[in-house]
Every structure is written in C-alpha cells, then in structure tokens.
Amino acid sequence: MAGLLGKQKMLRIYISENDTIDGRPLYKAIVELCSEQGIAGATVLRGIYGYGSRGEIHSSRTLTLSSSLPLVVEIIDTEENIDAILPLIDPMMSGGMITIEMINVLKYE
C-alpha cells in the first residue's frame, strides 16, 4: 500500500491486560475491529513496567494473578481512516487513555 507513505495518523490506546469487552480481551477486540474495518495496521505492545491514572505500578517481576501489565495498541492509517474508527473504539473502553499524533511513514511493505 504505497498510498500510506508520508504524513499519516497514529492512534495509541493505553489499556491493561485484564480489560475486557463482552467477556473477551479488549486488545483483541480492538485489533479485530481494525482488521474488519480495513485499517492498515495495528500492533499490541506489552509493557513490562508502568502505571496509569490510578497510580498503581504494574511489573512483570511482581505479577500476580490479580494484576495485569499495561498494554499499548498502536493503530496507523490515513487521517480519514483513523478519524472514522475512533468513534467505534471509544465506546469499547471503560478506562485507559487514547492519544493521536501525526506521523511520517517512511516504509510500508
């Protein structure tokens, strides 16, 4: 998709591993929605250490069954496609954080 080169948008979603929607992991639901909507790419990154709005630190070294690690879902596509999918993702989330930034895609194969 050579049309993706140049200035595009990145949607970044910060959630926890244990966030769910309709009984399934939220990160999977978001990536599957992106795929269904024809978004150019979505990747889930697992954090090994971090905290969010509640200030509770999550670490891969002290992980217990009741805690979860932070996740970041990065979604990259044209400004038009990111703007179209955001209203579908927002109601799926009960917490977390969403950021958007303009990026410059140098290579996409």
Protein backbone atom coordinates (compact mmCIF):
# COMPACT_ATOMS: atom_id res chain seq x y z
CA MET A 1 0.00 0.00 0.00
CA ALA A 2 2.26 2.75 -1.28
CA GLY A 3 -0.52 5.27 -0.59
CA LEU A 4 0.27 5.01 3.12
CA LEU A 5 3.68 6.64 2.74
CA GLY A 6 4.08 10.16 4.01
CA LYS A 7 2.08 12.03 6.65
CA GLN A 8 -0.43 9.76 8.40
CA LYS A 9 -2.06 9.40 11.80
CA MET A 10 -1.28 7.09 14.70
CA LEU A 11 -3.87 6.23 17.31
CA ARG A 12 -2.32 4.97 20.53
CA ILE A 13 -4.51 3.25 23.14
CA TYR A 14 -3.26 2.59 26.67
CA ILE A 15 -5.13 -0.19 28.49
CA SER A 16 -4.49 -3.09 30.87
CA GLU A 17 -4.12 -6.74 30.03
CA ASN A 18 -7.21 -7.57 32.07
CA ASP A 19 -9.52 -5.05 30.32
CA THR A 20 -12.35 -6.88 28.60
CA ILE A 21 -15.43 -6.26 26.49
CA ASP A 22 -18.22 -8.82 26.27
CA GLY A 23 -16.03 -11.36 28.10
CA ARG A 24 -13.04 -11.20 25.74
CA PRO A 25 -9.77 -9.26 25.92
CA LEU A 26 -10.24 -5.64 24.87
CA TYR A 27 -6.93 -5.55 22.98
CA LYS A 28 -8.07 -8.46 20.78
CA ALA A 29 -11.44 -6.84 20.14
CA ILE A 30 -9.75 -3.59 19.08
CA VAL A 31 -7.29 -5.31 16.71
CA GLU A 32 -10.05 -7.46 15.19
CA LEU A 33 -12.21 -4.36 14.67
CA CYS A 34 -9.30 -2.66 12.91
CA SER A 35 -8.83 -5.67 10.65
CA GLU A 36 -12.55 -5.82 9.83
CA GLN A 37 -12.56 -2.10 9.01
CA GLY A 38 -9.55 -2.43 6.67
CA ILE A 39 -7.16 -0.37 8.81
CA ALA A 40 -3.56 -0.50 7.52
CA GLY A 41 -2.03 -1.83 10.74
CA ALA A 42 -2.50 -2.43 14.45
CA THR A 43 0.02 -3.76 16.95
CA VAL A 44 -0.28 -4.62 20.65
CA LEU A 45 2.76 -3.88 22.79
CA ARG A 46 3.05 -5.35 26.28
CA GLY A 47 4.66 -3.17 28.90
CA ILE A 48 6.98 -4.71 31.47
CA TYR A 49 6.66 -1.88 33.96
CA GLY A 50 4.33 1.07 34.30
CA TYR A 51 1.38 2.79 35.93
CA GLY A 52 -1.68 4.70 34.84
CA SER A 53 -4.36 7.00 36.20
CA ARG A 54 -4.74 5.06 39.46
CA GLY A 55 -1.01 5.29 40.22
CA GLU A 56 -0.71 1.53 40.83
CA ILE A 57 2.61 0.19 39.50
CA HIS A 58 2.45 -3.00 37.45
CA SER A 59 5.61 -5.00 36.92
CA SER A 60 6.40 -8.26 35.16
CA ARG A 61 8.56 -9.22 38.17
CA THR A 62 5.82 -8.82 40.76
CA LEU A 63 2.95 -10.00 38.58
CA THR A 64 0.27 -11.87 40.47
CA LEU A 65 -2.88 -13.50 39.19
CA SER A 66 -4.93 -10.45 40.19
CA SER A 67 -2.81 -7.82 38.45
CA SER A 68 -2.10 -7.18 34.81
CA LEU A 69 0.55 -5.49 32.74
CA PRO A 70 -0.01 -2.33 30.73
CA LEU A 71 -0.71 -2.69 27.02
CA VAL A 72 -0.42 -0.19 24.21
CA VAL A 73 -2.35 -0.72 20.98
CA GLU A 74 -0.85 1.30 18.12
CA ILE A 75 -3.01 1.82 15.06
CA ILE A 76 -1.64 3.54 11.95
CA ASP A 77 -3.53 4.63 8.86
CA THR A 78 -4.64 7.70 6.96
CA GLU A 79 -6.15 10.58 8.90
CA GLU A 80 -9.54 9.81 7.36
CA ASN A 81 -9.48 6.14 8.42
CA ILE A 82 -8.27 6.90 11.97
CA ASP A 83 -10.98 9.55 12.34
CA ALA A 84 -13.56 7.01 11.17
CA ILE A 85 -12.54 4.19 13.53
CA LEU A 86 -12.09 6.28 16.67
CA PRO A 87 -15.86 6.59 17.33
CA LEU A 88 -16.09 2.77 17.13
CA ILE A 89 -13.24 2.21 19.61
CA ASP A 90 -14.10 4.88 22.18
CA PRO A 91 -17.31 3.21 23.49
CA MET A 92 -15.47 -0.12 23.85
CA MET A 93 -13.28 1.36 26.59
CA SER A 94 -14.30 1.77 30.21
CA GLY A 95 -10.95 3.35 31.13
CA GLY A 96 -7.48 3.84 29.79
CA MET A 97 -6.16 6.62 27.58
CA ILE A 98 -6.26 7.38 23.87
CA THR A 99 -3.76 9.63 22.09
CA ILE A 100 -3.45 10.69 18.46
CA GLU A 101 -0.40 12.03 16.71
CA MET A 102 0.67 12.82 13.21
CA ILE A 103 3.50 10.61 11.96
CA ASN A 104 5.61 10.27 8.83
CA VAL A 105 5.53 6.77 7.30
CA LEU A 106 8.82 6.12 5.51
CA LYS A 107 8.31 2.48 4.57
CA TYR A 108 5.26 0.20 4.45
CA GLU A 109 5.60 -3.24 2.84
